[in-house]
Protein backbone atom coordinates (compact mmCIF):
# COMPACT_ATOMS: atom_id res chain seq x y z
CA UNK A 1 0.00 0.00 0.00
CA UNK A 2 1.37 3.44 -0.89
CA UNK A 3 0.68 6.63 1.00
CA UNK A 4 2.23 9.77 -0.43
CA UNK A 5 4.57 7.61 -2.53
CA UNK A 6 6.00 5.82 0.52
CA UNK A 7 5.27 2.16 1.15
CA UNK A 8 3.67 1.65 4.54
CA UNK A 9 5.80 -0.63 6.65
CA UNK A 10 3.18 -2.17 8.89
CA UNK A 11 0.08 -3.76 7.47
CA UNK A 12 -2.66 -5.22 9.64
CA UNK A 13 -4.16 -8.44 8.35
CA UNK A 14 -7.32 -9.89 9.80
CA UNK A 15 -7.47 -13.64 10.30
CA UNK A 16 -10.11 -15.89 11.87
CA UNK A 17 -9.22 -16.92 15.38
CA UNK A 18 -10.22 -20.27 16.75
CA UNK A 19 -10.61 -18.85 20.24
CA UNK A 20 -13.17 -16.44 21.60
CA UNK A 21 -16.06 -17.91 19.66
CA UNK A 22 -14.38 -17.46 16.28
CA UNK A 23 -14.10 -13.68 16.64
CA UNK A 24 -11.60 -12.10 14.25
CA UNK A 25 -8.12 -11.50 15.60
CA UNK A 26 -5.70 -8.97 14.17
CA UNK A 27 -2.24 -10.16 13.24
CA UNK A 28 0.08 -7.32 12.37
CA UNK A 29 2.56 -8.00 9.59
CA UNK A 30 5.52 -5.89 8.63
CA UNK A 31 5.91 -4.89 5.00
CA UNK A 32 9.66 -4.83 4.37
CA UNK A 33 9.40 -3.23 0.92
CA UNK A 34 10.70 0.18 2.05
CA UNK A 35 14.23 1.43 1.40
CA UNK A 36 15.86 3.97 3.70
CA UNK A 37 19.21 5.72 3.69
CA UNK A 38 21.75 4.81 6.31
CA UNK A 39 23.87 7.41 8.11
CA UNK A 40 26.39 7.27 5.25
CA UNK A 41 23.79 7.90 2.54
CA UNK A 42 23.66 4.30 1.28
CA UNK A 43 20.33 2.70 0.44
CA UNK A 44 19.22 -0.07 2.79
CA UNK A 45 16.43 -2.29 1.50
CA UNK A 46 14.51 -3.62 4.47
CA UNK A 47 13.52 -6.59 2.31
CA UNK A 48 17.11 -7.85 2.60
CA UNK A 49 16.27 -8.79 6.21
CA UNK A 50 13.08 -10.74 5.44
CA UNK A 51 12.91 -14.15 7.07
CA UNK A 52 15.10 -13.15 10.00
CA UNK A 53 14.14 -12.10 13.53
CA UNK A 54 14.23 -8.30 13.61
CA UNK A 55 14.11 -5.62 16.27
CA UNK A 56 13.33 -2.18 14.84
CA UNK A 57 14.22 0.53 17.33
CA UNK A 58 12.82 4.03 16.75
CA UNK A 59 15.01 6.56 18.51
CA UNK A 60 16.55 10.07 18.41
CA UNK A 61 19.97 11.46 19.39
CA UNK A 62 18.37 14.00 21.77
CA UNK A 63 16.29 11.35 23.60
CA UNK A 64 17.64 10.57 27.09
CA UNK A 65 15.96 7.15 27.38
CA UNK A 66 17.23 6.29 23.88
CA UNK A 67 20.77 7.08 25.00
CA UNK A 68 20.32 4.84 28.06
CA UNK A 69 18.89 2.01 25.96
CA UNK A 70 21.48 2.09 23.16
CA UNK A 71 24.31 0.27 25.03
CA UNK A 72 21.98 -2.60 25.92
CA UNK A 73 20.86 -2.91 22.29
CA UNK A 74 24.51 -2.97 21.21
CA UNK A 75 25.26 -5.72 23.76
CA UNK A 76 22.19 -7.76 22.81
CA UNK A 77 22.99 -7.49 19.12
CA UNK A 78 26.60 -8.55 19.73
CA UNK A 79 25.42 -11.52 21.80
CA UNK A 80 22.75 -12.76 19.37
CA UNK A 81 23.79 -11.67 15.86
CA UNK A 82 25.36 -15.06 15.14
CA UNK A 83 21.92 -16.61 15.66
CA UNK A 84 20.50 -14.39 12.92
CA UNK A 85 19.21 -11.45 14.97
CA UNK A 86 18.86 -8.18 13.10
CA UNK A 87 18.57 -4.85 14.89
CA UNK A 88 17.74 -1.79 12.84
CA UNK A 89 17.84 1.63 14.47
CA UNK A 90 15.64 4.19 12.73
CA UNK A 91 16.22 7.77 13.82
CA UNK A 92 12.92 9.62 13.79
CA UNK A 93 14.24 13.11 13.03
CA UNK A 94 18.03 13.29 13.01
CA UNK A 95 20.29 14.09 10.08
CA UNK A 96 23.12 11.78 9.07
CA UNK A 97 25.51 14.41 10.46
CA UNK A 98 24.02 13.92 13.94
CA UNK A 99 23.65 10.15 13.66
CA UNK A 100 27.31 9.43 12.74
CA UNK A 101 28.88 10.84 15.95
CA UNK A 102 26.16 9.14 18.00
CA UNK A 103 26.98 5.80 16.35
CA UNK A 104 30.67 6.35 17.02
CA UNK A 105 30.09 7.33 20.66
CA UNK A 106 28.00 4.20 21.35
CA UNK A 107 29.98 1.94 18.97
CA UNK A 108 26.77 0.83 17.25
CA UNK A 109 27.52 -2.22 15.05
CA UNK A 110 24.07 -2.49 13.41
CA UNK A 111 22.49 -0.24 10.75
CA UNK A 112 21.30 3.19 11.84
CA UNK A 113 18.82 4.50 9.30
CA UNK A 114 17.43 7.97 8.60
CA UNK A 115 13.67 7.99 9.13
CA UNK A 116 12.97 11.73 9.16
CA UNK A 117 11.92 11.77 5.51
CA UNK A 118 9.51 8.85 5.99
CA UNK A 119 6.69 10.04 8.30
CA UNK A 120 4.19 7.52 6.90
CA UNK A 121 6.59 4.68 7.60
CA UNK A 122 7.20 5.91 11.16
CA UNK A 123 3.45 6.17 11.80
CA UNK A 124 2.94 2.67 10.38
CA UNK A 125 5.52 1.40 12.88
CA UNK A 126 3.60 2.99 15.75
CA UNK A 127 5.44 6.27 16.19
CA UNK A 128 3.18 9.09 17.36
CA UNK A 129 5.48 11.16 19.57
CA UNK A 130 7.38 9.30 22.28
CA UNK A 131 10.58 7.37 21.71
CA UNK A 132 12.15 4.91 22.07
CA UNK A 133 9.87 2.34 20.51
CA UNK A 134 11.06 -1.20 19.84
CA UNK A 135 9.17 -3.49 17.47
CA UNK A 136 9.98 -7.21 17.77
CA UNK A 137 9.33 -8.99 14.47
CA UNK A 138 9.22 -12.76 14.03
CA UNK A 139 10.84 -14.59 11.11
CA UNK A 140 7.44 -14.83 9.41
CA UNK A 141 7.11 -11.02 9.41
CA UNK A 142 4.50 -10.79 12.16
CA UNK A 143 4.89 -8.41 15.06
CA UNK A 144 5.50 -10.29 18.30
CA UNK A 145 5.49 -7.21 20.49
CA UNK A 146 5.84 -3.42 20.48
CA UNK A 147 7.46 -1.73 23.48
CA UNK A 148 7.07 2.01 23.98
CA UNK A 149 9.70 3.52 26.26
CA UNK A 150 12.90 2.13 27.66
CA UNK A 151 12.96 -1.54 28.62
CA UNK A 152 15.29 -3.41 30.93
CA UNK A 153 18.02 -5.54 29.42
CA UNK A 154 16.40 -8.66 30.89
CA UNK A 155 13.02 -7.92 29.29
CA UNK A 156 14.65 -7.08 25.95
CA UNK A 157 16.63 -10.31 26.03
CA UNK A 158 13.53 -12.34 26.89
CA UNK A 159 11.74 -10.87 23.88
CA UNK A 160 14.74 -11.46 21.61
CA UNK A 161 15.12 -15.08 22.75
CA UNK A 162 11.44 -15.65 21.94
CA UNK A 163 12.11 -14.36 18.39
CA UNK A 164 15.09 -16.69 18.02
CA UNK A 165 13.16 -19.87 18.98
C-alpha cells in the first residue's frame, strides 16, 4: 500500500481466530518493501532482512531514554547476531551528520537509518510522539510485540530469545 509515494511498513491483516467464539483477531505483519538511507547515505532495502528475527528501534539522538537504551541494544545485538538477529535503528528526526557521531560514541555495530523523511513509515511502525519504541518482528514477518519507552536488558533479552526460537 502506498501513501504519499511511501510504502507503509506495517500492514494489519485480519485472520479468523479459533478462540473467543471465532471472533476475528488482528495479526500485524511488517511490509519490508521500504528502502531507507543509512547514516552514510547508502540505500538499505529492508527486504534484505526478510525471514530473519528483527528488532526495529525508533530513537533520536536527543532522547535521554534512547541514549540509556542504546548500550543494551549494542550488547544484545553482539550476543545474538550469530543466531540471525537483526537490529535496525531508525532515527525519527536526526540528520546523518548527527547520527554518525552518535553511532561512534556508542559503537553501534548495526544499521542506523534515517527515518525523518519517511513520516508515513514511522506512523505505520507505531510512532506518534514518544521514543524509544522497539518493534519485535518474528521470522514470518509478524509483530510479536511493540514496546514504547525504555525496557530493561532482561526484558529485551527475553523478547529477543522468543524471536530466536
